[in-house]
Amino acid sequence: MAFISYIPESEASDELRQLYDRYREPRGGVDNIIRIHSRNPKSMVGHYEFYRHLMRGPSPLTRIQREMIAVVVSAANHCHY
């Protein structure tokens, strides 16, 4: 498994802290897949917007179908996300 270091929230700049707050999940944390972009905040915004469009944008697939596809692909790739 690859490891990508990230900037902890306690060490985040004002810009990064605002992004962490924007992308915080209801349970209170920021997903690792978003947090790995902390060293390049512009890529964090791009990644999130791309993901949001794929999962919630116009599509013949329902949101549930898209989530099921994501789970199957993650399982096939042995990815815990």
N, C-alpha and C. Protein backbone atom coordinates (compact mmCIF):
# COMPACT_ATOMS: atom_id res chain seq x y z
N MET A 1 0.84 -1.17 0.00
CA MET A 1 0.00 0.00 0.00
C MET A 1 0.89 1.24 0.00
N ALA A 2 0.54 2.19 -0.83
CA ALA A 2 1.28 3.45 -0.90
C ALA A 2 0.98 4.30 0.33
N PHE A 3 1.92 5.16 0.66
CA PHE A 3 1.71 6.10 1.75
C PHE A 3 2.02 7.49 1.24
N ILE A 4 1.10 8.38 1.41
CA ILE A 4 1.29 9.78 1.00
C ILE A 4 1.13 10.62 2.25
N SER A 5 2.18 11.36 2.59
CA SER A 5 2.10 12.19 3.79
C SER A 5 1.15 13.36 3.55
N TYR A 6 0.57 13.81 4.62
CA TYR A 6 -0.36 14.94 4.53
C TYR A 6 -0.09 15.88 5.70
N ILE A 7 -0.64 17.07 5.57
CA ILE A 7 -0.50 18.07 6.63
C ILE A 7 -1.65 17.89 7.61
N PRO A 8 -1.33 17.63 8.88
CA PRO A 8 -2.40 17.47 9.89
C PRO A 8 -3.17 18.78 10.05
N GLU A 9 -4.41 18.66 10.47
CA GLU A 9 -5.24 19.85 10.65
C GLU A 9 -4.61 20.83 11.63
N SER A 10 -3.93 20.33 12.64
CA SER A 10 -3.31 21.20 13.64
C SER A 10 -2.18 22.04 13.06
N GLU A 11 -1.64 21.65 11.90
CA GLU A 11 -0.53 22.38 11.27
C GLU A 11 -0.96 23.08 9.98
N ALA A 12 -2.24 23.05 9.67
CA ALA A 12 -2.72 23.58 8.40
C ALA A 12 -2.69 25.10 8.36
N SER A 13 -2.36 25.63 7.18
CA SER A 13 -2.45 27.07 6.95
C SER A 13 -3.92 27.47 6.97
N ASP A 14 -4.17 28.77 6.95
CA ASP A 14 -5.57 29.23 6.94
C ASP A 14 -6.32 28.69 5.72
N GLU A 15 -5.67 28.75 4.54
CA GLU A 15 -6.31 28.26 3.32
C GLU A 15 -6.64 26.77 3.44
N LEU A 16 -5.68 25.98 3.89
CA LEU A 16 -5.90 24.55 4.01
C LEU A 16 -6.93 24.24 5.09
N ARG A 17 -6.90 24.96 6.19
CA ARG A 17 -7.88 24.75 7.26
C ARG A 17 -9.30 25.00 6.74
N GLN A 18 -9.45 26.01 5.90
CA GLN A 18 -10.77 26.30 5.32
C GLN A 18 -11.23 25.15 4.41
N LEU A 19 -10.29 24.58 3.66
CA LEU A 19 -10.64 23.44 2.80
C LEU A 19 -10.99 22.22 3.64
N TYR A 20 -10.22 21.96 4.68
CA TYR A 20 -10.56 20.84 5.58
C TYR A 20 -11.97 21.03 6.13
N ASP A 21 -12.29 22.24 6.53
CA ASP A 21 -13.64 22.51 7.07
C ASP A 21 -14.71 22.31 5.99
N ARG A 22 -14.42 22.72 4.77
CA ARG A 22 -15.38 22.60 3.67
C ARG A 22 -15.67 21.13 3.34
N TYR A 23 -14.63 20.30 3.40
CA TYR A 23 -14.77 18.90 2.99
C TYR A 23 -14.94 17.94 4.16
N ARG A 24 -15.15 18.46 5.33
CA ARG A 24 -15.34 17.63 6.53
C ARG A 24 -16.62 16.81 6.39
N GLU A 25 -16.53 15.54 6.73
CA GLU A 25 -17.68 14.64 6.69
C GLU A 25 -18.57 14.89 7.90
N PRO A 26 -19.83 14.49 7.83
CA PRO A 26 -20.74 14.68 8.97
C PRO A 26 -20.22 14.07 10.27
N ARG A 27 -19.44 13.01 10.18
CA ARG A 27 -18.90 12.38 11.38
C ARG A 27 -17.77 13.18 12.00
N GLY A 28 -17.29 14.24 11.29
CA GLY A 28 -16.30 15.15 11.85
C GLY A 28 -14.92 15.09 11.25
N GLY A 29 -14.58 14.05 10.52
CA GLY A 29 -13.24 13.93 9.95
C GLY A 29 -13.20 14.29 8.48
N VAL A 30 -11.98 14.34 7.96
CA VAL A 30 -11.77 14.56 6.53
C VAL A 30 -11.25 13.24 5.97
N ASP A 31 -11.88 12.74 4.91
CA ASP A 31 -11.46 11.47 4.32
C ASP A 31 -10.00 11.53 3.89
N ASN A 32 -9.30 10.42 4.06
CA ASN A 32 -7.89 10.35 3.67
C ASN A 32 -7.69 10.66 2.20
N ILE A 33 -8.62 10.23 1.35
CA ILE A 33 -8.48 10.44 -0.08
C ILE A 33 -8.50 11.93 -0.42
N ILE A 34 -9.11 12.74 0.43
CA ILE A 34 -9.08 14.20 0.26
C ILE A 34 -7.84 14.77 0.94
N ARG A 35 -7.55 14.27 2.11
CA ARG A 35 -6.44 14.80 2.92
C ARG A 35 -5.08 14.65 2.24
N ILE A 36 -4.91 13.63 1.39
CA ILE A 36 -3.61 13.44 0.74
C ILE A 36 -3.26 14.60 -0.20
N HIS A 37 -4.23 15.42 -0.52
CA HIS A 37 -3.97 16.59 -1.37
C HIS A 37 -3.55 17.82 -0.56
N SER A 38 -3.33 17.66 0.72
CA SER A 38 -3.06 18.82 1.58
C SER A 38 -1.81 19.59 1.19
N ARG A 39 -0.87 18.95 0.55
CA ARG A 39 0.35 19.65 0.14
C ARG A 39 0.15 20.42 -1.17
N ASN A 40 -1.00 20.24 -1.79
CA ASN A 40 -1.35 20.96 -3.01
C ASN A 40 -2.85 21.25 -2.98
N PRO A 41 -3.26 22.28 -2.23
CA PRO A 41 -4.69 22.55 -2.05
C PRO A 41 -5.50 22.68 -3.34
N LYS A 42 -4.87 23.19 -4.41
CA LYS A 42 -5.59 23.30 -5.67
C LYS A 42 -6.01 21.92 -6.18
N SER A 43 -5.15 20.92 -5.99
CA SER A 43 -5.52 19.57 -6.42
C SER A 43 -6.62 18.99 -5.54
N MET A 44 -6.68 19.41 -4.27
CA MET A 44 -7.74 18.97 -3.37
C MET A 44 -9.09 19.42 -3.90
N VAL A 45 -9.16 20.68 -4.28
CA VAL A 45 -10.41 21.23 -4.81
C VAL A 45 -10.79 20.50 -6.10
N GLY A 46 -9.81 20.32 -7.00
CA GLY A 46 -10.08 19.64 -8.27
C GLY A 46 -10.55 18.21 -8.08
N HIS A 47 -9.90 17.48 -7.17
CA HIS A 47 -10.27 16.09 -6.91
C HIS A 47 -11.69 16.02 -6.36
N TYR A 48 -12.00 16.88 -5.40
CA TYR A 48 -13.33 16.85 -4.80
C TYR A 48 -14.41 17.17 -5.83
N GLU A 49 -14.17 18.20 -6.64
CA GLU A 49 -15.18 18.60 -7.64
C GLU A 49 -15.36 17.49 -8.68
N PHE A 50 -14.27 16.84 -9.09
CA PHE A 50 -14.36 15.73 -10.03
C PHE A 50 -15.18 14.59 -9.44
N TYR A 51 -14.87 14.22 -8.19
CA TYR A 51 -15.59 13.15 -7.50
C TYR A 51 -17.08 13.50 -7.37
N ARG A 52 -17.35 14.73 -6.97
CA ARG A 52 -18.75 15.17 -6.79
C ARG A 52 -19.51 15.07 -8.10
N HIS A 53 -18.87 15.47 -9.19
CA HIS A 53 -19.53 15.39 -10.49
C HIS A 53 -19.79 13.93 -10.89
N LEU A 54 -18.81 13.07 -10.68
CA LEU A 54 -18.99 11.67 -11.03
C LEU A 54 -20.10 11.01 -10.22
N MET A 55 -20.17 11.31 -8.95
CA MET A 55 -21.12 10.63 -8.07
C MET A 55 -22.49 11.30 -8.02
N ARG A 56 -22.56 12.60 -8.29
CA ARG A 56 -23.84 13.30 -8.14
C ARG A 56 -24.29 14.04 -9.38
N GLY A 57 -23.44 14.09 -10.42
CA GLY A 57 -23.79 14.80 -11.64
C GLY A 57 -24.78 14.01 -12.49
N PRO A 58 -25.20 14.60 -13.60
CA PRO A 58 -26.14 13.92 -14.49
C PRO A 58 -25.58 12.59 -14.98
N SER A 59 -26.41 11.56 -14.95
CA SER A 59 -25.99 10.22 -15.36
C SER A 59 -27.21 9.33 -15.49
N PRO A 60 -27.14 8.33 -16.38
CA PRO A 60 -28.24 7.36 -16.44
C PRO A 60 -28.20 6.41 -15.23
N LEU A 61 -27.10 6.42 -14.47
CA LEU A 61 -26.98 5.57 -13.29
C LEU A 61 -27.47 6.32 -12.05
N THR A 62 -28.09 5.60 -11.15
CA THR A 62 -28.50 6.22 -9.88
C THR A 62 -27.27 6.38 -8.98
N ARG A 63 -27.41 7.16 -7.95
CA ARG A 63 -26.31 7.33 -6.99
C ARG A 63 -25.96 5.99 -6.35
N ILE A 64 -26.96 5.21 -6.03
CA ILE A 64 -26.71 3.88 -5.42
C ILE A 64 -25.93 2.99 -6.39
N GLN A 65 -26.29 3.00 -7.66
CA GLN A 65 -25.57 2.19 -8.64
C GLN A 65 -24.10 2.63 -8.73
N ARG A 66 -23.88 3.93 -8.72
CA ARG A 66 -22.51 4.45 -8.78
C ARG A 66 -21.71 4.04 -7.55
N GLU A 67 -22.34 4.10 -6.39
CA GLU A 67 -21.66 3.68 -5.15
C GLU A 67 -21.34 2.19 -5.20
N MET A 68 -22.27 1.39 -5.73
CA MET A 68 -22.02 -0.06 -5.83
C MET A 68 -20.84 -0.34 -6.76
N ILE A 69 -20.75 0.38 -7.86
CA ILE A 69 -19.62 0.22 -8.78
C ILE A 69 -18.32 0.58 -8.07
N ALA A 70 -18.33 1.68 -7.31
CA ALA A 70 -17.13 2.10 -6.59
C ALA A 70 -16.69 1.05 -5.58
N VAL A 71 -17.63 0.44 -4.90
CA VAL A 71 -17.31 -0.61 -3.91
C VAL A 71 -16.69 -1.82 -4.60
N VAL A 72 -17.27 -2.25 -5.72
CA VAL A 72 -16.76 -3.42 -6.44
C VAL A 72 -15.35 -3.14 -6.97
N VAL A 73 -15.13 -1.97 -7.54
CA VAL A 73 -13.80 -1.62 -8.06
C VAL A 73 -12.79 -1.57 -6.92
N SER A 74 -13.16 -0.96 -5.80
CA SER A 74 -12.25 -0.91 -4.64
C SER A 74 -11.92 -2.30 -4.14
N ALA A 75 -12.91 -3.18 -4.05
CA ALA A 75 -12.68 -4.55 -3.61
C ALA A 75 -11.76 -5.29 -4.59
N ALA A 76 -12.00 -5.13 -5.88
CA ALA A 76 -11.16 -5.79 -6.87
C ALA A 76 -9.72 -5.31 -6.81
N ASN A 77 -9.53 -4.05 -6.42
CA ASN A 77 -8.19 -3.46 -6.30
C ASN A 77 -7.60 -3.64 -4.90
N HIS A 78 -8.31 -4.35 -4.02
CA HIS A 78 -7.86 -4.54 -2.63
C HIS A 78 -7.63 -3.20 -1.94
N CYS A 79 -8.52 -2.26 -2.20
CA CYS A 79 -8.43 -0.92 -1.63
C CYS A 79 -9.47 -0.79 -0.52
N HIS A 80 -9.07 -0.34 0.65
CA HIS A 80 -10.01 -0.25 1.76
C HIS A 80 -10.93 0.95 1.68
N TYR A 81 -10.77 1.82 0.68
CA TYR A 81 -11.69 2.95 0.53
C TYR A 81 -12.99 2.46 -0.02
